[in-house]
Amino acid sequence: MELYLVYAELERILQGMGIRVARRLVGNHITSLEMAGCSITLLKSDDEMRALWDDPVLTAGLRWGI
């Protein structure tokens, strides 16, 4: 739940800067036993990169479009 609160604030800030979020992935995807807080990664993308992101994924940690 905390990650979604952080993301909501991040998206609010980005929208205020005129930055549109095209894809988002919120959750415990990369974790560490000793990690405190959260990690945020932003990437400027183009149509090709978004098309690759939208391809089907089937791994132990992620699954979509299958």
PDB file of N, CA and C in Angstrom:
ATOM      1  N   MET A   1       0.819  -1.187   0.000  1.00  0.00           N
ATOM      2  CA  MET A   1       0.000   0.000   0.000  1.00  0.00           C
ATOM      3  C   MET A   1       0.869   1.259   0.000  1.00  0.00           C
ATOM      4  N   GLU A   2       1.960   1.209   0.726  1.00  0.00           N
ATOM      5  CA  GLU A   2       2.840   2.372   0.783  1.00  0.00           C
ATOM      6  C   GLU A   2       3.410   2.700  -0.590  1.00  0.00           C
ATOM      7  N   LEU A   3       3.716   1.668  -1.372  1.00  0.00           N
ATOM      8  CA  LEU A   3       4.272   1.914  -2.699  1.00  0.00           C
ATOM      9  C   LEU A   3       3.281   2.657  -3.588  1.00  0.00           C
ATOM     10  N   TYR A   4       2.004   2.339  -3.465  1.00  0.00           N
ATOM     11  CA  TYR A   4       0.988   3.039  -4.258  1.00  0.00           C
ATOM     12  C   TYR A   4       0.837   4.490  -3.809  1.00  0.00           C
ATOM     13  N   LEU A   5       1.005   4.754  -2.532  1.00  0.00           N
ATOM     14  CA  LEU A   5       0.977   6.136  -2.046  1.00  0.00           C
ATOM     15  C   LEU A   5       2.157   6.927  -2.607  1.00  0.00           C
ATOM     16  N   VAL A   6       3.332   6.319  -2.604  1.00  0.00           N
ATOM     17  CA  VAL A   6       4.522   6.968  -3.164  1.00  0.00           C
ATOM     18  C   VAL A   6       4.315   7.218  -4.648  1.00  0.00           C
ATOM     19  N   TYR A   7       3.794   6.202  -5.358  1.00  0.00           N
ATOM     20  CA  TYR A   7       3.575   6.369  -6.795  1.00  0.00           C
ATOM     21  C   TYR A   7       2.570   7.485  -7.090  1.00  0.00           C
ATOM     22  N   ALA A   8       1.500   7.555  -6.338  1.00  0.00           N
ATOM     23  CA  ALA A   8       0.490   8.600  -6.557  1.00  0.00           C
ATOM     24  C   ALA A   8       1.112   9.982  -6.419  1.00  0.00           C
ATOM     25  N   GLU A   9       1.964  10.163  -5.428  1.00  0.00           N
ATOM     26  CA  GLU A   9       2.644  11.453  -5.237  1.00  0.00           C
ATOM     27  C   GLU A   9       3.609  11.718  -6.384  1.00  0.00           C
ATOM     28  N   LEU A  10       4.353  10.701  -6.806  1.00  0.00           N
ATOM     29  CA  LEU A  10       5.271  10.859  -7.929  1.00  0.00           C
ATOM     30  C   LEU A  10       4.520  11.265  -9.193  1.00  0.00           C
ATOM     31  N   GLU A  11       3.405  10.595  -9.488  1.00  0.00           N
ATOM     32  CA  GLU A  11       2.656  10.925 -10.703  1.00  0.00           C
ATOM     33  C   GLU A  11       2.093  12.349 -10.621  1.00  0.00           C
ATOM     34  N   ARG A  12       1.668  12.772  -9.446  1.00  0.00           N
ATOM     35  CA  ARG A  12       1.179  14.141  -9.267  1.00  0.00           C
ATOM     36  C   ARG A  12       2.290  15.141  -9.584  1.00  0.00           C
ATOM     37  N   ILE A  13       3.485  14.882  -9.095  1.00  0.00           N
ATOM     38  CA  ILE A  13       4.625  15.772  -9.338  1.00  0.00           C
ATOM     39  C   ILE A  13       4.980  15.787 -10.818  1.00  0.00           C
ATOM     40  N   LEU A  14       5.026  14.611 -11.440  1.00  0.00           N
ATOM     41  CA  LEU A  14       5.374  14.532 -12.857  1.00  0.00           C
ATOM     42  C   LEU A  14       4.341  15.247 -13.726  1.00  0.00           C
ATOM     43  N   GLN A  15       3.058  15.071 -13.411  1.00  0.00           N
ATOM     44  CA  GLN A  15       2.015  15.771 -14.166  1.00  0.00           C
ATOM     45  C   GLN A  15       2.180  17.284 -14.050  1.00  0.00           C
ATOM     46  N   GLY A  16       2.558  17.751 -12.870  1.00  0.00           N
ATOM     47  CA  GLY A  16       2.806  19.179 -12.674  1.00  0.00           C
ATOM     48  C   GLY A  16       3.961  19.691 -13.510  1.00  0.00           C
ATOM     49  N   MET A  17       4.869  18.787 -13.874  1.00  0.00           N
ATOM     50  CA  MET A  17       6.009  19.143 -14.713  1.00  0.00           C
ATOM     51  C   MET A  17       5.720  18.902 -16.194  1.00  0.00           C
ATOM     52  N   GLY A  18       4.500  18.444 -16.506  1.00  0.00           N
ATOM     53  CA  GLY A  18       4.132  18.182 -17.897  1.00  0.00           C
ATOM     54  C   GLY A  18       4.645  16.863 -18.426  1.00  0.00           C
ATOM     55  N   ILE A  19       5.007  15.946 -17.535  1.00  0.00           N
ATOM     56  CA  ILE A  19       5.515  14.633 -17.935  1.00  0.00           C
ATOM     57  C   ILE A  19       4.389  13.621 -17.824  1.00  0.00           C
ATOM     58  N   ARG A  20       4.122  12.900 -18.936  1.00  0.00           N
ATOM     59  CA  ARG A  20       3.062  11.895 -18.965  1.00  0.00           C
ATOM     60  C   ARG A  20       3.648  10.516 -18.724  1.00  0.00           C
ATOM     61  N   VAL A  21       3.043   9.772 -17.846  1.00  0.00           N
ATOM     62  CA  VAL A  21       3.478   8.405 -17.555  1.00  0.00           C
ATOM     63  C   VAL A  21       2.763   7.472 -18.531  1.00  0.00           C
ATOM     64  N   ALA A  22       3.530   6.760 -19.359  1.00  0.00           N
ATOM     65  CA  ALA A  22       2.946   5.870 -20.363  1.00  0.00           C
ATOM     66  C   ALA A  22       2.732   4.464 -19.805  1.00  0.00           C
ATOM     67  N   ARG A  23       3.648   3.977 -19.008  1.00  0.00           N
ATOM     68  CA  ARG A  23       3.541   2.643 -18.406  1.00  0.00           C
ATOM     69  C   ARG A  23       4.027   2.732 -16.971  1.00  0.00           C
ATOM     70  N   ARG A  24       3.451   1.909 -16.119  1.00  0.00           N
ATOM     71  CA  ARG A  24       3.873   1.911 -14.719  1.00  0.00           C
ATOM     72  C   ARG A  24       3.922   0.476 -14.209  1.00  0.00           C
ATOM     73  N   LEU A  25       4.817   0.239 -13.299  1.00  0.00           N
ATOM     74  CA  LEU A  25       4.949  -1.063 -12.661  1.00  0.00           C
ATOM     75  C   LEU A  25       5.227  -0.785 -11.186  1.00  0.00           C
ATOM     76  N   VAL A  26       4.236  -1.004 -10.350  1.00  0.00           N
ATOM     77  CA  VAL A  26       4.338  -0.706  -8.922  1.00  0.00           C
ATOM     78  C   VAL A  26       4.235  -2.025  -8.162  1.00  0.00           C
ATOM     79  N   GLY A  27       5.201  -2.294  -7.300  1.00  0.00           N
ATOM     80  CA  GLY A  27       5.138  -3.511  -6.494  1.00  0.00           C
ATOM     81  C   GLY A  27       6.502  -3.933  -6.004  1.00  0.00           C
ATOM     82  N   ASN A  28       6.535  -5.082  -5.368  1.00  0.00           N
ATOM     83  CA  ASN A  28       7.778  -5.639  -4.820  1.00  0.00           C
ATOM     84  C   ASN A  28       8.436  -6.542  -5.863  1.00  0.00           C
ATOM     85  N   HIS A  29       8.992  -5.939  -6.905  1.00  0.00           N
ATOM     86  CA  HIS A  29       9.561  -6.711  -8.003  1.00  0.00           C
ATOM     87  C   HIS A  29      11.051  -6.966  -7.814  1.00  0.00           C
ATOM     88  N   ILE A  30      11.748  -6.042  -7.201  1.00  0.00           N
ATOM     89  CA  ILE A  30      13.172  -6.207  -6.893  1.00  0.00           C
ATOM     90  C   ILE A  30      13.321  -5.843  -5.424  1.00  0.00           C
ATOM     91  N   THR A  31      13.586  -6.831  -4.595  1.00  0.00           N
ATOM     92  CA  THR A  31      13.622  -6.585  -3.157  1.00  0.00           C
ATOM     93  C   THR A  31      14.966  -6.985  -2.563  1.00  0.00           C
ATOM     94  N   SER A  32      15.195  -6.503  -1.357  1.00  0.00           N
ATOM     95  CA  SER A  32      16.376  -6.851  -0.585  1.00  0.00           C
ATOM     96  C   SER A  32      15.958  -6.957   0.875  1.00  0.00           C
ATOM     97  N   LEU A  33      16.494  -7.928   1.576  1.00  0.00           N
ATOM     98  CA  LEU A  33      16.135  -8.109   2.979  1.00  0.00           C
ATOM     99  C   LEU A  33      16.509  -6.894   3.822  1.00  0.00           C
ATOM    100  N   GLU A  34      17.578  -6.224   3.464  1.00  0.00           N
ATOM    101  CA  GLU A  34      18.068  -5.096   4.268  1.00  0.00           C
ATOM    102  C   GLU A  34      17.688  -3.738   3.685  1.00  0.00           C
ATOM    103  N   MET A  35      16.868  -3.715   2.638  1.00  0.00           N
ATOM    104  CA  MET A  35      16.526  -2.448   1.987  1.00  0.00           C
ATOM    105  C   MET A  35      15.432  -1.712   2.747  1.00  0.00           C
ATOM    106  N   ALA A  36      15.682  -0.451   3.019  1.00  0.00           N
ATOM    107  CA  ALA A  36      14.667   0.414   3.614  1.00  0.00           C
ATOM    108  C   ALA A  36      14.204   1.392   2.550  1.00  0.00           C
ATOM    109  N   GLY A  37      12.941   1.756   2.559  1.00  0.00           N
ATOM    110  CA  GLY A  37      12.426   2.726   1.595  1.00  0.00           C
ATOM    111  C   GLY A  37      12.019   2.071   0.301  1.00  0.00           C
ATOM    112  N   CYS A  38      12.101   2.830  -0.786  1.00  0.00           N
ATOM    113  CA  CYS A  38      11.702   2.314  -2.089  1.00  0.00           C
ATOM    114  C   CYS A  38      12.641   2.863  -3.154  1.00  0.00           C
ATOM    115  N   SER A  39      12.523   2.313  -4.339  1.00  0.00           N
ATOM    116  CA  SER A  39      13.328   2.729  -5.473  1.00  0.00           C
ATOM    117  C   SER A  39      12.391   3.177  -6.591  1.00  0.00           C
ATOM    118  N   ILE A  40      12.733   4.271  -7.256  1.00  0.00           N
ATOM    119  CA  ILE A  40      11.942   4.792  -8.374  1.00  0.00           C
ATOM    120  C   ILE A  40      12.861   4.895  -9.583  1.00  0.00           C
ATOM    121  N   THR A  41      12.410   4.335 -10.705  1.00  0.00           N
ATOM    122  CA  THR A  41      13.158   4.416 -11.951  1.00  0.00           C
ATOM    123  C   THR A  41      12.280   5.072 -12.996  1.00  0.00           C
ATOM    124  N   LEU A  42      12.794   6.102 -13.647  1.00  0.00           N
ATOM    125  CA  LEU A  42      12.089   6.783 -14.735  1.00  0.00           C
ATOM    126  C   LEU A  42      12.880   6.595 -16.017  1.00  0.00           C
ATOM    127  N   LEU A  43      12.171   6.437 -17.121  1.00  0.00           N
ATOM    128  CA  LEU A  43      12.817   6.212 -18.405  1.00  0.00           C
ATOM    129  C   LEU A  43      12.058   6.975 -19.478  1.00  0.00           C
ATOM    130  N   LYS A  44      12.766   7.742 -20.282  1.00  0.00           N
ATOM    131  CA  LYS A  44      12.148   8.389 -21.434  1.00  0.00           C
ATOM    132  C   LYS A  44      12.045   7.340 -22.532  1.00  0.00           C
ATOM    133  N   SER A  45      10.825   7.131 -23.054  1.00  0.00           N
ATOM    134  CA  SER A  45      10.632   6.061 -24.034  1.00  0.00           C
ATOM    135  C   SER A  45      10.082   6.602 -25.345  1.00  0.00           C
ATOM    136  N   ASP A  46      10.192   5.763 -26.370  1.00  0.00           N
ATOM    137  CA  ASP A  46       9.616   6.076 -27.674  1.00  0.00           C
ATOM    138  C   ASP A  46       8.627   4.961 -28.042  1.00  0.00           C
ATOM    139  N   ASP A  47       8.033   5.047 -29.215  1.00  0.00           N
ATOM    140  CA  ASP A  47       7.037   4.062 -29.630  1.00  0.00           C
ATOM    141  C   ASP A  47       7.597   2.643 -29.656  1.00  0.00           C
ATOM    142  N   GLU A  48       8.831   2.487 -30.146  1.00  0.00           N
ATOM    143  CA  GLU A  48       9.442   1.155 -30.225  1.00  0.00           C
ATOM    144  C   GLU A  48       9.631   0.560 -28.831  1.00  0.00           C
ATOM    145  N   MET A  49      10.124   1.358 -27.894  1.00  0.00           N
ATOM    146  CA  MET A  49      10.352   0.852 -26.547  1.00  0.00           C
ATOM    147  C   MET A  49       9.035   0.470 -25.870  1.00  0.00           C
ATOM    148  N   ARG A  50       7.988   1.274 -26.080  1.00  0.00           N
ATOM    149  CA  ARG A  50       6.682   0.933 -25.492  1.00  0.00           C
ATOM    150  C   ARG A  50       6.112  -0.333 -26.120  1.00  0.00           C
ATOM    151  N   ALA A  51       6.327  -0.533 -27.411  1.00  0.00           N
ATOM    152  CA  ALA A  51       5.869  -1.756 -28.074  1.00  0.00           C
ATOM    153  C   ALA A  51       6.589  -2.975 -27.486  1.00  0.00           C
ATOM    154  N   LEU A  52       7.877  -2.849 -27.229  1.00  0.00           N
ATOM    155  CA  LEU A  52       8.616  -3.954 -26.605  1.00  0.00           C
ATOM    156  C   LEU A  52       8.114  -4.206 -25.186  1.00  0.00           C
ATOM    157  N   TRP A  53       7.834  -3.142 -24.442  1.00  0.00           N
ATOM    158  CA  TRP A  53       7.300  -3.276 -23.079  1.00  0.00           C
ATOM    159  C   TRP A  53       5.970  -4.029 -23.091  1.00  0.00           C
ATOM    160  N   ASP A  54       5.159  -3.787 -24.116  1.00  0.00           N
ATOM    161  CA  ASP A  54       3.826  -4.382 -24.202  1.00  0.00           C
ATOM    162  C   ASP A  54       3.837  -5.835 -24.687  1.00  0.00           C
ATOM    163  N   ASP A  55       4.983  -6.327 -25.147  1.00  0.00           N
ATOM    164  CA  ASP A  55       5.065  -7.729 -25.566  1.00  0.00           C
ATOM    165  C   ASP A  55       4.734  -8.647 -24.393  1.00  0.00           C
ATOM    166  N   PRO A  56       4.226  -9.838 -24.688  1.00  0.00           N
ATOM    167  CA  PRO A  56       3.905 -10.789 -23.610  1.00  0.00           C
ATOM    168  C   PRO A  56       5.128 -11.141 -22.765  1.00  0.00           C
ATOM    169  N   VAL A  57       4.889 -11.306 -21.471  1.00  0.00           N
ATOM    170  CA  VAL A  57       5.947 -11.645 -20.512  1.00  0.00           C
ATOM    171  C   VAL A  57       5.478 -12.835 -19.685  1.00  0.00           C
ATOM    172  N   LEU A  58       6.348 -13.813 -19.536  1.00  0.00           N
ATOM    173  CA  LEU A  58       6.041 -14.968 -18.684  1.00  0.00           C
ATOM    174  C   LEU A  58       7.326 -15.378 -17.979  1.00  0.00           C
ATOM    175  N   THR A  59       7.508 -14.834 -16.766  1.00  0.00           N
ATOM    176  CA  THR A  59       8.669 -15.169 -15.941  1.00  0.00           C
ATOM    177  C   THR A  59       8.165 -15.536 -14.546  1.00  0.00           C
ATOM    178  N   ALA A  60       9.082 -15.943 -13.693  1.00  0.00           N
ATOM    179  CA  ALA A  60       8.692 -16.269 -12.317  1.00  0.00           C
ATOM    180  C   ALA A  60       8.166 -15.047 -11.580  1.00  0.00           C
ATOM    181  N   GLY A  61       8.660 -13.861 -11.911  1.00  0.00           N
ATOM    182  CA  GLY A  61       8.266 -12.667 -11.177  1.00  0.00           C
ATOM    183  C   GLY A  61       7.227 -11.801 -11.864  1.00  0.00           C
ATOM    184  N   LEU A  62       7.116 -11.887 -13.182  1.00  0.00           N
ATOM    185  CA  LEU A  62       6.187 -11.034 -13.936  1.00  0.00           C
ATOM    186  C   LEU A  62       5.420 -11.865 -14.953  1.00  0.00           C
ATOM    187  N   ARG A  63       4.175 -11.442 -15.186  1.00  0.00           N
ATOM    188  CA  ARG A  63       3.368 -12.112 -16.209  1.00  0.00           C
ATOM    189  C   ARG A  63       2.324 -11.136 -16.714  1.00  0.00           C
ATOM    190  N   TRP A  64       2.281 -10.926 -18.033  1.00  0.00           N
ATOM    191  CA  TRP A  64       1.177 -10.176 -18.645  1.00  0.00           C
ATOM    192  C   TRP A  64       1.139 -10.474 -20.136  1.00  0.00           C
ATOM    193  N   GLY A  65      -0.020 -10.242 -20.718  1.00  0.00           N
ATOM    194  CA  GLY A  65      -0.207 -10.411 -22.156  1.00  0.00           C
ATOM    195  C   GLY A  65      -0.167 -11.843 -22.661  1.00  0.00           C
ATOM    196  N   ILE A  66      -0.219 -12.783 -21.764  1.00  0.00           N
ATOM    197  CA  ILE A  66      -0.148 -14.197 -22.167  1.00  0.00           C
ATOM    198  C   ILE A  66      -1.552 -14.708 -22.445  1.00  0.00           C
TER     199      ILE A  66
END
